[in-house]
PDB file of N, CA and C in Angstrom:
ATOM      1  N   UNK A   1      17.320 198.736 229.088  1.00  0.00           N
ATOM      2  CA  UNK A   1      18.104 199.880 229.515  1.00  0.00           C
ATOM      3  C   UNK A   1      17.621 200.406 230.853  1.00  0.00           C
ATOM      4  N   UNK A   2      16.323 200.256 231.141  1.00  0.00           N
ATOM      5  CA  UNK A   2      15.800 200.682 232.438  1.00  0.00           C
ATOM      6  C   UNK A   2      16.421 199.866 233.567  1.00  0.00           C
ATOM      7  N   UNK A   3      16.544 198.559 233.355  1.00  0.00           N
ATOM      8  CA  UNK A   3      17.162 197.718 234.375  1.00  0.00           C
ATOM      9  C   UNK A   3      18.623 198.111 234.564  1.00  0.00           C
ATOM     10  N   UNK A   4      19.302 198.453 233.491  1.00  0.00           N
ATOM     11  CA  UNK A   4      20.689 198.910 233.600  1.00  0.00           C
ATOM     12  C   UNK A   4      20.800 200.111 234.509  1.00  0.00           C
ATOM     13  N   UNK A   5      19.907 201.071 234.338  1.00  0.00           N
ATOM     14  CA  UNK A   5      19.906 202.255 235.209  1.00  0.00           C
ATOM     15  C   UNK A   5      19.668 201.857 236.657  1.00  0.00           C
ATOM     16  N   UNK A   6      18.710 200.965 236.858  1.00  0.00           N
ATOM     17  CA  UNK A   6      18.408 200.484 238.216  1.00  0.00           C
ATOM     18  C   UNK A   6      19.629 199.825 238.857  1.00  0.00           C
ATOM     19  N   UNK A   7      20.385 199.092 238.058  1.00  0.00           N
ATOM     20  CA  UNK A   7      21.561 198.375 238.565  1.00  0.00           C
ATOM     21  C   UNK A   7      22.829 199.233 238.553  1.00  0.00           C
ATOM     22  N   UNK A   8      22.727 200.424 237.974  1.00  0.00           N
ATOM     23  CA  UNK A   8      23.871 201.328 237.940  1.00  0.00           C
ATOM     24  C   UNK A   8      24.893 201.003 236.867  1.00  0.00           C
ATOM     25  N   UNK A   9      24.432 200.428 235.765  1.00  0.00           N
ATOM     26  CA  UNK A   9      25.338 200.085 234.669  1.00  0.00           C
ATOM     27  C   UNK A   9      24.799 200.623 233.347  1.00  0.00           C
ATOM     28  N   UNK A  10      25.705 200.801 232.414  1.00  0.00           N
ATOM     29  CA  UNK A  10      25.340 201.225 231.060  1.00  0.00           C
ATOM     30  C   UNK A  10      25.059 199.987 230.219  1.00  0.00           C
ATOM     31  N   UNK A  11      23.989 200.043 229.443  1.00  0.00           N
ATOM     32  CA  UNK A  11      23.590 198.906 228.616  1.00  0.00           C
ATOM     33  C   UNK A  11      23.479 199.344 227.163  1.00  0.00           C
ATOM     34  N   UNK A  12      24.010 198.539 226.282  1.00  0.00           N
ATOM     35  CA  UNK A  12      23.866 198.763 224.843  1.00  0.00           C
ATOM     36  C   UNK A  12      23.325 197.488 224.225  1.00  0.00           C
ATOM     37  N   UNK A  13      22.293 197.599 223.420  1.00  0.00           N
ATOM     38  CA  UNK A  13      21.686 196.434 222.770  1.00  0.00           C
ATOM     39  C   UNK A  13      22.044 196.410 221.295  1.00  0.00           C
ATOM     40  N   UNK A  14      22.367 195.229 220.816  1.00  0.00           N
ATOM     41  CA  UNK A  14      22.656 195.033 219.397  1.00  0.00           C
ATOM     42  C   UNK A  14      22.044 193.717 218.954  1.00  0.00           C
ATOM     43  N   UNK A  15      21.724 193.642 217.666  1.00  0.00           N
ATOM     44  CA  UNK A  15      21.169 192.420 217.101  1.00  0.00           C
ATOM     45  C   UNK A  15      21.679 192.269 215.683  1.00  0.00           C
ATOM     46  N   UNK A  16      22.063 191.054 215.335  1.00  0.00           N
ATOM     47  CA  UNK A  16      22.460 190.749 213.966  1.00  0.00           C
ATOM     48  C   UNK A  16      22.269 189.259 213.720  1.00  0.00           C
ATOM     49  N   UNK A  17      21.962 188.934 212.482  1.00  0.00           N
ATOM     50  CA  UNK A  17      21.895 187.538 212.063  1.00  0.00           C
ATOM     51  C   UNK A  17      23.154 187.123 211.313  1.00  0.00           C
ATOM     52  N   UNK A  18      24.157 188.003 211.298  1.00  0.00           N
ATOM     53  CA  UNK A  18      25.391 187.766 210.557  1.00  0.00           C
ATOM     54  C   UNK A  18      26.507 187.389 211.532  1.00  0.00           C
ATOM     55  N   UNK A  19      27.006 186.186 211.420  1.00  0.00           N
ATOM     56  CA  UNK A  19      28.017 185.678 212.350  1.00  0.00           C
ATOM     57  C   UNK A  19      29.255 186.579 212.405  1.00  0.00           C
ATOM     58  N   UNK A  20      29.753 187.006 211.261  1.00  0.00           N
ATOM     59  CA  UNK A  20      30.943 187.854 211.234  1.00  0.00           C
ATOM     60  C   UNK A  20      30.733 189.177 211.945  1.00  0.00           C
ATOM     61  N   UNK A  21      29.555 189.736 211.823  1.00  0.00           N
ATOM     62  CA  UNK A  21      29.234 190.983 212.513  1.00  0.00           C
ATOM     63  C   UNK A  21      29.205 190.768 214.030  1.00  0.00           C
ATOM     64  N   UNK A  22      28.653 189.657 214.467  1.00  0.00           N
ATOM     65  CA  UNK A  22      28.636 189.332 215.894  1.00  0.00           C
ATOM     66  C   UNK A  22      30.064 189.188 216.426  1.00  0.00           C
ATOM     67  N   UNK A  23      30.915 188.542 215.671  1.00  0.00           N
ATOM     68  CA  UNK A  23      32.316 188.365 216.079  1.00  0.00           C
ATOM     69  C   UNK A  23      33.003 189.717 216.199  1.00  0.00           C
ATOM     70  N   UNK A  24      32.782 190.585 215.241  1.00  0.00           N
ATOM     71  CA  UNK A  24      33.373 191.925 215.297  1.00  0.00           C
ATOM     72  C   UNK A  24      32.898 192.661 216.536  1.00  0.00           C
ATOM     73  N   UNK A  25      31.608 192.607 216.828  1.00  0.00           N
ATOM     74  CA  UNK A  25      31.078 193.283 218.020  1.00  0.00           C
ATOM     75  C   UNK A  25      31.687 192.716 219.298  1.00  0.00           C
ATOM     76  N   UNK A  26      31.829 191.399 219.354  1.00  0.00           N
ATOM     77  CA  UNK A  26      32.446 190.778 220.533  1.00  0.00           C
ATOM     78  C   UNK A  26      33.879 191.279 220.688  1.00  0.00           C
ATOM     79  N   UNK A  27      34.609 191.328 219.603  1.00  0.00           N
ATOM     80  CA  UNK A  27      35.997 191.796 219.661  1.00  0.00           C
ATOM     81  C   UNK A  27      36.080 193.265 220.080  1.00  0.00           C
ATOM     82  N   UNK A  28      35.149 194.077 219.638  1.00  0.00           N
ATOM     83  CA  UNK A  28      35.120 195.490 220.028  1.00  0.00           C
ATOM     84  C   UNK A  28      34.689 195.680 221.480  1.00  0.00           C
ATOM     85  N   UNK A  29      33.967 194.720 222.020  1.00  0.00           N
ATOM     86  CA  UNK A  29      33.427 194.840 223.377  1.00  0.00           C
ATOM     87  C   UNK A  29      34.513 194.958 224.437  1.00  0.00           C
ATOM     88  N   UNK A  30      35.633 194.327 224.223  1.00  0.00           N
ATOM     89  CA  UNK A  30      36.700 194.342 225.234  1.00  0.00           C
ATOM     90  C   UNK A  30      37.104 195.760 225.616  1.00  0.00           C
ATOM     91  N   UNK A  31      37.148 196.660 224.654  1.00  0.00           N
ATOM     92  CA  UNK A  31      37.558 198.041 224.916  1.00  0.00           C
ATOM     93  C   UNK A  31      36.436 198.892 225.497  1.00  0.00           C
ATOM     94  N   UNK A  32      35.198 198.391 225.444  1.00  0.00           N
ATOM     95  CA  UNK A  32      34.062 199.232 225.821  1.00  0.00           C
ATOM     96  C   UNK A  32      33.237 198.719 227.000  1.00  0.00           C
ATOM     97  N   UNK A  33      33.276 197.427 227.252  1.00  0.00           N
ATOM     98  CA  UNK A  33      32.381 196.833 228.244  1.00  0.00           C
ATOM     99  C   UNK A  33      33.121 195.894 229.191  1.00  0.00           C
ATOM    100  N   UNK A  34      32.533 195.682 230.335  1.00  0.00           N
ATOM    101  CA  UNK A  34      33.125 194.771 231.314  1.00  0.00           C
ATOM    102  C   UNK A  34      32.513 193.383 231.248  1.00  0.00           C
ATOM    103  N   UNK A  35      31.463 193.225 230.449  1.00  0.00           N
ATOM    104  CA  UNK A  35      30.827 191.932 230.303  1.00  0.00           C
ATOM    105  C   UNK A  35      29.785 191.957 229.214  1.00  0.00           C
ATOM    106  N   UNK A  36      29.317 190.771 228.844  1.00  0.00           N
ATOM    107  CA  UNK A  36      28.322 190.629 227.787  1.00  0.00           C
ATOM    108  C   UNK A  36      27.173 189.743 228.241  1.00  0.00           C
ATOM    109  N   UNK A  37      25.966 190.109 227.854  1.00  0.00           N
ATOM    110  CA  UNK A  37      24.809 189.225 227.898  1.00  0.00           C
ATOM    111  C   UNK A  37      24.552 188.906 226.435  1.00  0.00           C
ATOM    112  N   UNK A  38      24.649 187.647 226.076  1.00  0.00           N
ATOM    113  CA  UNK A  38      24.690 187.271 224.667  1.00  0.00           C
ATOM    114  C   UNK A  38      23.730 186.146 224.348  1.00  0.00           C
ATOM    115  N   UNK A  39      22.892 186.372 223.342  1.00  0.00           N
ATOM    116  CA  UNK A  39      22.014 185.336 222.817  1.00  0.00           C
ATOM    117  C   UNK A  39      22.540 184.930 221.443  1.00  0.00           C
ATOM    118  N   UNK A  40      23.259 183.823 221.372  1.00  0.00           N
ATOM    119  CA  UNK A  40      23.823 183.407 220.091  1.00  0.00           C
ATOM    120  C   UNK A  40      22.809 182.743 219.161  1.00  0.00           C
ATOM    121  N   UNK A  41      21.580 182.559 219.624  1.00  0.00           N
ATOM    122  CA  UNK A  41      20.498 181.968 218.823  1.00  0.00           C
ATOM    123  C   UNK A  41      20.963 180.658 218.187  1.00  0.00           C
ATOM    124  N   UNK A  42      20.691 180.466 216.904  1.00  0.00           N
ATOM    125  CA  UNK A  42      21.043 179.195 216.253  1.00  0.00           C
ATOM    126  C   UNK A  42      22.546 178.975 216.159  1.00  0.00           C
ATOM    127  N   UNK A  43      23.343 180.048 216.292  1.00  0.00           N
ATOM    128  CA  UNK A  43      24.794 179.882 216.295  1.00  0.00           C
ATOM    129  C   UNK A  43      25.286 179.151 217.549  1.00  0.00           C
ATOM    130  N   UNK A  44      24.445 179.045 218.544  1.00  0.00           N
ATOM    131  CA  UNK A  44      24.779 178.311 219.768  1.00  0.00           C
ATOM    132  C   UNK A  44      25.347 176.936 219.448  1.00  0.00           C
ATOM    133  N   UNK A  45      24.728 176.269 218.509  1.00  0.00           N
ATOM    134  CA  UNK A  45      25.000 174.869 218.218  1.00  0.00           C
ATOM    135  C   UNK A  45      25.998 174.661 217.092  1.00  0.00           C
ATOM    136  N   UNK A  46      26.412 175.765 216.456  1.00  0.00           N
ATOM    137  CA  UNK A  46      27.225 175.611 215.250  1.00  0.00           C
ATOM    138  C   UNK A  46      28.509 176.435 215.225  1.00  0.00           C
ATOM    139  N   UNK A  47      28.600 177.481 216.033  1.00  0.00           N
ATOM    140  CA  UNK A  47      29.689 178.433 215.824  1.00  0.00           C
ATOM    141  C   UNK A  47      30.850 178.308 216.806  1.00  0.00           C
ATOM    142  N   UNK A  48      31.877 177.642 216.344  1.00  0.00           N
ATOM    143  CA  UNK A  48      33.125 177.606 217.094  1.00  0.00           C
ATOM    144  C   UNK A  48      33.786 178.987 217.025  1.00  0.00           C
ATOM    145  N   UNK A  49      33.540 179.714 215.942  1.00  0.00           N
ATOM    146  CA  UNK A  49      34.117 181.053 215.780  1.00  0.00           C
ATOM    147  C   UNK A  49      33.609 182.015 216.859  1.00  0.00           C
ATOM    148  N   UNK A  50      32.326 181.957 217.195  1.00  0.00           N
ATOM    149  CA  UNK A  50      31.805 182.804 218.272  1.00  0.00           C
ATOM    150  C   UNK A  50      32.426 182.405 219.609  1.00  0.00           C
ATOM    151  N   UNK A  51      32.559 181.120 219.839  1.00  0.00           N
ATOM    152  CA  UNK A  51      33.204 180.640 221.061  1.00  0.00           C
ATOM    153  C   UNK A  51      34.628 181.178 221.154  1.00  0.00           C
ATOM    154  N   UNK A  52      35.366 181.074 220.067  1.00  0.00           N
ATOM    155  CA  UNK A  52      36.744 181.548 220.046  1.00  0.00           C
ATOM    156  C   UNK A  52      36.822 183.058 220.273  1.00  0.00           C
ATOM    157  N   UNK A  53      35.852 183.803 219.737  1.00  0.00           N
ATOM    158  CA  UNK A  53      35.830 185.256 219.946  1.00  0.00           C
ATOM    159  C   UNK A  53      35.617 185.583 221.423  1.00  0.00           C
ATOM    160  N   UNK A  54      34.714 184.878 222.080  1.00  0.00           N
ATOM    161  CA  UNK A  54      34.466 185.093 223.514  1.00  0.00           C
ATOM    162  C   UNK A  54      35.736 184.794 224.309  1.00  0.00           C
ATOM    163  N   UNK A  55      36.367 183.684 224.028  1.00  0.00           N
ATOM    164  CA  UNK A  55      37.610 183.321 224.713  1.00  0.00           C
ATOM    165  C   UNK A  55      38.684 184.372 224.439  1.00  0.00           C
ATOM    166  N   UNK A  56      38.758 184.822 223.205  1.00  0.00           N
ATOM    167  CA  UNK A  56      39.782 185.776 222.814  1.00  0.00           C
ATOM    168  C   UNK A  56      39.686 187.114 223.522  1.00  0.00           C
ATOM    169  N   UNK A  57      38.472 187.601 223.769  1.00  0.00           N
ATOM    170  CA  UNK A  57      38.342 188.902 224.430  1.00  0.00           C
ATOM    171  C   UNK A  57      38.505 188.781 225.938  1.00  0.00           C
ATOM    172  N   UNK A  58      38.198 187.628 226.485  1.00  0.00           N
ATOM    173  CA  UNK A  58      38.428 187.392 227.907  1.00  0.00           C
ATOM    174  C   UNK A  58      37.570 188.206 228.858  1.00  0.00           C
ATOM    175  N   UNK A  59      36.378 188.622 228.408  1.00  0.00           N
ATOM    176  CA  UNK A  59      35.482 189.311 229.338  1.00  0.00           C
ATOM    177  C   UNK A  59      34.325 188.382 229.691  1.00  0.00           C
ATOM    178  N   UNK A  60      33.762 188.535 230.886  1.00  0.00           N
ATOM    179  CA  UNK A  60      32.675 187.651 231.310  1.00  0.00           C
ATOM    180  C   UNK A  60      31.464 187.741 230.387  1.00  0.00           C
ATOM    181  N   UNK A  61      30.821 186.602 230.160  1.00  0.00           N
ATOM    182  CA  UNK A  61      29.655 186.543 229.300  1.00  0.00           C
ATOM    183  C   UNK A  61      28.615 185.619 229.907  1.00  0.00           C
ATOM    184  N   UNK A  62      27.363 186.058 229.887  1.00  0.00           N
ATOM    185  CA  UNK A  62      26.234 185.221 230.271  1.00  0.00           C
ATOM    186  C   UNK A  62      25.481 184.888 228.984  1.00  0.00           C
ATOM    187  N   UNK A  63      25.307 183.607 228.721  1.00  0.00           N
ATOM    188  CA  UNK A  63      24.589 183.143 227.533  1.00  0.00           C
ATOM    189  C   UNK A  63      23.101 183.101 227.850  1.00  0.00           C
ATOM    190  N   UNK A  64      22.282 183.692 226.995  1.00  0.00           N
ATOM    191  CA  UNK A  64      20.836 183.685 227.207  1.00  0.00           C
ATOM    192  C   UNK A  64      20.110 183.169 225.966  1.00  0.00           C
ATOM    193  N   UNK A  65      18.957 182.579 226.219  1.00  0.00           N
ATOM    194  CA  UNK A  65      18.082 182.089 225.147  1.00  0.00           C
ATOM    195  C   UNK A  65      16.637 182.339 225.548  1.00  0.00           C
ATOM    196  N   UNK A  66      15.817 182.716 224.595  1.00  0.00           N
ATOM    197  CA  UNK A  66      14.406 182.934 224.864  1.00  0.00           C
ATOM    198  C   UNK A  66      13.704 181.624 225.196  1.00  0.00           C
ATOM    199  N   UNK A  67      14.007 180.583 224.429  1.00  0.00           N
ATOM    200  CA  UNK A  67      13.403 179.271 224.685  1.00  0.00           C
ATOM    201  C   UNK A  67      14.353 178.426 225.522  1.00  0.00           C
ATOM    202  N   UNK A  68      13.812 177.373 226.102  1.00  0.00           N
ATOM    203  CA  UNK A  68      14.640 176.440 226.865  1.00  0.00           C
ATOM    204  C   UNK A  68      15.274 175.468 225.866  1.00  0.00           C
ATOM    205  N   UNK A  69      16.534 175.693 225.543  1.00  0.00           N
ATOM    206  CA  UNK A  69      17.184 174.884 224.512  1.00  0.00           C
ATOM    207  C   UNK A  69      17.288 173.411 224.924  1.00  0.00           C
ATOM    208  N   UNK A  70      17.191 173.126 226.197  1.00  0.00           N
ATOM    209  CA  UNK A  70      17.303 171.750 226.680  1.00  0.00           C
ATOM    210  C   UNK A  70      16.000 170.968 226.540  1.00  0.00           C
ATOM    211  N   UNK A  71      14.922 171.661 226.183  1.00  0.00           N
ATOM    212  CA  UNK A  71      13.630 171.011 225.945  1.00  0.00           C
ATOM    213  C   UNK A  71      13.339 170.891 224.456  1.00  0.00           C
ATOM    214  N   UNK A  72      14.308 171.274 223.648  1.00  0.00           N
ATOM    215  CA  UNK A  72      14.112 171.242 222.202  1.00  0.00           C
ATOM    216  C   UNK A  72      14.802 170.023 221.593  1.00  0.00           C
ATOM    217  N   UNK A  73      14.939 170.000 220.290  1.00  0.00           N
ATOM    218  CA  UNK A  73      15.571 168.881 219.609  1.00  0.00           C
ATOM    219  C   UNK A  73      16.965 168.638 220.173  1.00  0.00           C
ATOM    220  N   UNK A  74      17.416 167.396 220.109  1.00  0.00           N
ATOM    221  CA  UNK A  74      18.696 167.042 220.718  1.00  0.00           C
ATOM    222  C   UNK A  74      19.853 167.859 220.156  1.00  0.00           C
ATOM    223  N   UNK A  75      19.835 168.170 218.858  1.00  0.00           N
ATOM    224  CA  UNK A  75      20.953 168.937 218.292  1.00  0.00           C
ATOM    225  C   UNK A  75      20.995 170.368 218.814  1.00  0.00           C
ATOM    226  N   UNK A  76      19.883 170.872 219.354  1.00  0.00           N
ATOM    227  CA  UNK A  76      19.853 172.231 219.902  1.00  0.00           C
ATOM    228  C   UNK A  76      20.333 172.286 221.353  1.00  0.00           C
ATOM    229  N   UNK A  77      20.549 171.156 221.967  1.00  0.00           N
ATOM    230  CA  UNK A  77      20.960 171.120 223.378  1.00  0.00           C
ATOM    231  C   UNK A  77      22.458 171.332 223.555  1.00  0.00           C
ATOM    232  N   UNK A  78      23.202 171.256 222.484  1.00  0.00           N
ATOM    233  CA  UNK A  78      24.658 171.434 222.527  1.00  0.00           C
ATOM    234  C   UNK A  78      24.985 172.907 222.337  1.00  0.00           C
ATOM    235  N   UNK A  79      25.683 173.482 223.289  1.00  0.00           N
ATOM    236  CA  UNK A  79      26.117 174.873 223.173  1.00  0.00           C
ATOM    237  C   UNK A  79      27.632 174.924 223.172  1.00  0.00           C
ATOM    238  N   UNK A  80      28.188 175.498 222.125  1.00  0.00           N
ATOM    239  CA  UNK A  80      29.631 175.713 222.083  1.00  0.00           C
ATOM    240  C   UNK A  80      30.056 176.840 223.020  1.00  0.00           C
ATOM    241  N   UNK A  81      29.100 177.681 223.413  1.00  0.00           N
ATOM    242  CA  UNK A  81      29.445 178.830 224.249  1.00  0.00           C
ATOM    243  C   UNK A  81      29.310 178.562 225.749  1.00  0.00           C
ATOM    244  N   UNK A  82      28.457 177.629 226.140  1.00  0.00           N
ATOM    245  CA  UNK A  82      28.235 177.371 227.565  1.00  0.00           C
ATOM    246  C   UNK A  82      29.529 177.112 228.342  1.00  0.00           C
ATOM    247  N   UNK A  83      30.467 176.328 227.817  1.00  0.00           N
ATOM    248  CA  UNK A  83      31.690 176.081 228.584  1.00  0.00           C
ATOM    249  C   UNK A  83      32.571 177.317 228.811  1.00  0.00           C
ATOM    250  N   UNK A  84      32.364 178.363 228.027  1.00  0.00           N
ATOM    251  CA  UNK A  84      33.171 179.577 228.192  1.00  0.00           C
ATOM    252  C   UNK A  84      32.331 180.738 228.731  1.00  0.00           C
ATOM    253  N   UNK A  85      31.140 180.426 229.239  1.00  0.00           N
ATOM    254  CA  UNK A  85      30.229 181.423 229.805  1.00  0.00           C
ATOM    255  C   UNK A  85      30.281 181.380 231.327  1.00  0.00           C
ATOM    256  N   UNK A  86      29.894 182.502 231.951  1.00  0.00           N
ATOM    257  CA  UNK A  86      29.691 182.471 233.397  1.00  0.00           C
ATOM    258  C   UNK A  86      28.539 181.541 233.726  1.00  0.00           C
ATOM    259  N   UNK A  87      27.530 181.552 232.886  1.00  0.00           N
ATOM    260  CA  UNK A  87      26.354 180.720 233.073  1.00  0.00           C
ATOM    261  C   UNK A  87      25.413 180.878 231.905  1.00  0.00           C
ATOM    262  N   UNK A  88      24.335 180.114 231.960  1.00  0.00           N
ATOM    263  CA  UNK A  88      23.370 180.092 230.870  1.00  0.00           C
ATOM    264  C   UNK A  88      21.972 180.250 231.449  1.00  0.00           C
ATOM    265  N   UNK A  89      21.186 181.145 230.849  1.00  0.00           N
ATOM    266  CA  UNK A  89      19.798 181.354 231.259  1.00  0.00           C
ATOM    267  C   UNK A  89      18.934 181.140 230.024  1.00  0.00           C
ATOM    268  N   UNK A  90      17.960 180.250 230.133  1.00  0.00           N
ATOM    269  CA  UNK A  90      17.125 179.971 228.970  1.00  0.00           C
ATOM    270  C   UNK A  90      15.708 179.632 229.399  1.00  0.00           C
ATOM    271  N   UNK A  91      14.785 179.896 228.480  1.00  0.00           N
ATOM    272  CA  UNK A  91      13.418 179.462 228.688  1.00  0.00           C
ATOM    273  C   UNK A  91      12.472 180.484 229.292  1.00  0.00           C
ATOM    274  N   UNK A  92      12.911 181.681 229.518  1.00  0.00           N
ATOM    275  CA  UNK A  92      12.064 182.686 230.157  1.00  0.00           C
ATOM    276  C   UNK A  92      11.636 183.788 229.203  1.00  0.00           C
ATOM    277  N   UNK A  93      11.702 183.521 227.902  1.00  0.00           N
ATOM    278  CA  UNK A  93      11.319 184.526 226.920  1.00  0.00           C
ATOM    279  C   UNK A  93      12.192 185.759 227.066  1.00  0.00           C
ATOM    280  N   UNK A  94      11.639 186.934 226.770  1.00  0.00           N
ATOM    281  CA  UNK A  94      12.431 188.171 226.868  1.00  0.00           C
ATOM    282  C   UNK A  94      13.005 188.425 228.273  1.00  0.00           C
ATOM    283  N   UNK A  95      12.374 187.849 229.289  1.00  0.00           N
ATOM    284  CA  UNK A  95      12.860 187.979 230.666  1.00  0.00           C
ATOM    285  C   UNK A  95      14.272 187.386 230.814  1.00  0.00           C
ATOM    286  N   UNK A  96      14.637 186.478 229.915  1.00  0.00           N
ATOM    287  CA  UNK A  96      15.977 185.873 229.961  1.00  0.00           C
ATOM    288  C   UNK A  96      17.070 186.940 229.882  1.00  0.00           C
ATOM    289  N   UNK A  97      16.831 187.991 229.102  1.00  0.00           N
ATOM    290  CA  UNK A  97      17.823 189.067 228.990  1.00  0.00           C
ATOM    291  C   UNK A  97      17.978 189.808 230.320  1.00  0.00           C
ATOM    292  N   UNK A  98      16.868 190.079 230.984  1.00  0.00           N
ATOM    293  CA  UNK A  98      16.920 190.789 232.267  1.00  0.00           C
ATOM    294  C   UNK A  98      17.581 189.935 233.340  1.00  0.00           C
ATOM    295  N   UNK A  99      17.247 188.662 233.364  1.00  0.00           N
ATOM    296  CA  UNK A  99      17.883 187.747 234.318  1.00  0.00           C
ATOM    297  C   UNK A  99      19.377 187.641 234.031  1.00  0.00           C
ATOM    298  N   UNK A 100      19.728 187.608 232.757  1.00  0.00           N
ATOM    299  CA  UNK A 100      21.142 187.547 232.379  1.00  0.00           C
ATOM    300  C   UNK A 100      21.904 188.789 232.803  1.00  0.00           C
ATOM    301  N   UNK A 101      21.278 189.957 232.645  1.00  0.00           N
ATOM    302  CA  UNK A 101      21.930 191.199 233.055  1.00  0.00           C
ATOM    303  C   UNK A 101      22.117 191.228 234.573  1.00  0.00           C
ATOM    304  N   UNK A 102      21.097 190.824 235.302  1.00  0.00           N
ATOM    305  CA  UNK A 102      21.225 190.773 236.770  1.00  0.00           C
ATOM    306  C   UNK A 102      22.350 189.831 237.185  1.00  0.00           C
ATOM    307  N   UNK A 103      22.423 188.681 236.550  1.00  0.00           N
ATOM    308  CA  UNK A 103      23.462 187.703 236.882  1.00  0.00           C
ATOM    309  C   UNK A 103      24.853 188.248 236.554  1.00  0.00           C
ATOM    310  N   UNK A 104      24.985 188.905 235.417  1.00  0.00           N
ATOM    311  CA  UNK A 104      26.279 189.463 235.019  1.00  0.00           C
ATOM    312  C   UNK A 104      26.712 190.557 235.981  1.00  0.00           C
ATOM    313  N   UNK A 105      25.830 191.471 236.298  1.00  0.00           N
ATOM    314  CA  UNK A 105      26.178 192.567 237.211  1.00  0.00           C
ATOM    315  C   UNK A 105      26.538 192.018 238.581  1.00  0.00           C
ATOM    316  N   UNK A 106      25.787 191.037 239.051  1.00  0.00           N
ATOM    317  CA  UNK A 106      26.103 190.423 240.347  1.00  0.00           C
ATOM    318  C   UNK A 106      27.497 189.792 240.326  1.00  0.00           C
ATOM    319  N   UNK A 107      27.805 189.075 239.263  1.00  0.00           N
ATOM    320  CA  UNK A 107      29.126 188.439 239.158  1.00  0.00           C
ATOM    321  C   UNK A 107      30.234 189.484 239.116  1.00  0.00           C
ATOM    322  N   UNK A 108      30.016 190.559 238.377  1.00  0.00           N
ATOM    323  CA  UNK A 108      31.028 191.610 238.298  1.00  0.00           C
ATOM    324  C   UNK A 108      31.216 192.294 239.651  1.00  0.00           C
ATOM    325  N   UNK A 109      30.142 192.520 240.361  1.00  0.00           N
ATOM    326  CA  UNK A 109      30.241 193.170 241.675  1.00  0.00           C
ATOM    327  C   UNK A 109      30.989 192.302 242.675  1.00  0.00           C
ATOM    328  N   UNK A 110      30.875 191.002 242.524  1.00  0.00           N
ATOM    329  CA  UNK A 110      31.578 190.098 243.436  1.00  0.00           C
ATOM    330  C   UNK A 110      33.053 189.964 243.102  1.00  0.00           C
ATOM    331  N   UNK A 111      33.433 190.253 241.843  1.00  0.00           N
ATOM    332  CA  UNK A 111      34.822 190.039 241.435  1.00  0.00           C
ATOM    333  C   UNK A 111      35.620 191.314 241.212  1.00  0.00           C
ATOM    334  N   UNK A 112      34.934 192.435 241.012  1.00  0.00           N
ATOM    335  CA  UNK A 112      35.619 193.696 240.747  1.00  0.00           C
ATOM    336  C   UNK A 112      35.263 194.685 241.855  1.00  0.00           C
ATOM    337  N   UNK A 113      36.182 194.957 242.782  1.00  0.00           N
ATOM    338  CA  UNK A 113      35.884 195.829 243.927  1.00  0.00           C
ATOM    339  C   UNK A 113      35.317 197.196 243.548  1.00  0.00           C
ATOM    340  N   UNK A 114      35.685 197.746 242.413  1.00  0.00           N
ATOM    341  CA  UNK A 114      35.208 199.080 242.019  1.00  0.00           C
ATOM    342  C   UNK A 114      33.701 199.115 241.814  1.00  0.00           C
ATOM    343  N   UNK A 115      33.069 197.977 241.615  1.00  0.00           N
ATOM    344  CA  UNK A 115      31.628 197.923 241.378  1.00  0.00           C
ATOM    345  C   UNK A 115      30.822 197.922 242.673  1.00  0.00           C
ATOM    346  N   UNK A 116      31.480 197.802 243.791  1.00  0.00           N
ATOM    347  CA  UNK A 116      30.752 197.698 245.067  1.00  0.00           C
ATOM    348  C   UNK A 116      30.345 199.028 245.591  1.00  0.00           C
TER     349      UNK A 116
END
């Protein structure tokens, strides 16, 4: 939230291990936020439903991971969300969230004149 203040944006953090709850939050995000920084965790490799929710809301999303998913087991290297993300940041531990927020805000500032 401190970085959000520094960047001039409002930040809300949520966490759940329940796929349906994540989908509901994504669907609610369209009315409240201009973008998402999202760590789908193990759902990265399994959830077409999360991918469809991101596509359905049509707001920019940066996918983040604490570990470098490309250095892990082969089945963990496949992300259903990467093709519908602005980009993917992984492998920097908790710093991945901050890098993701910076990337999202930068992308929004370049595409939405009101953010400049």
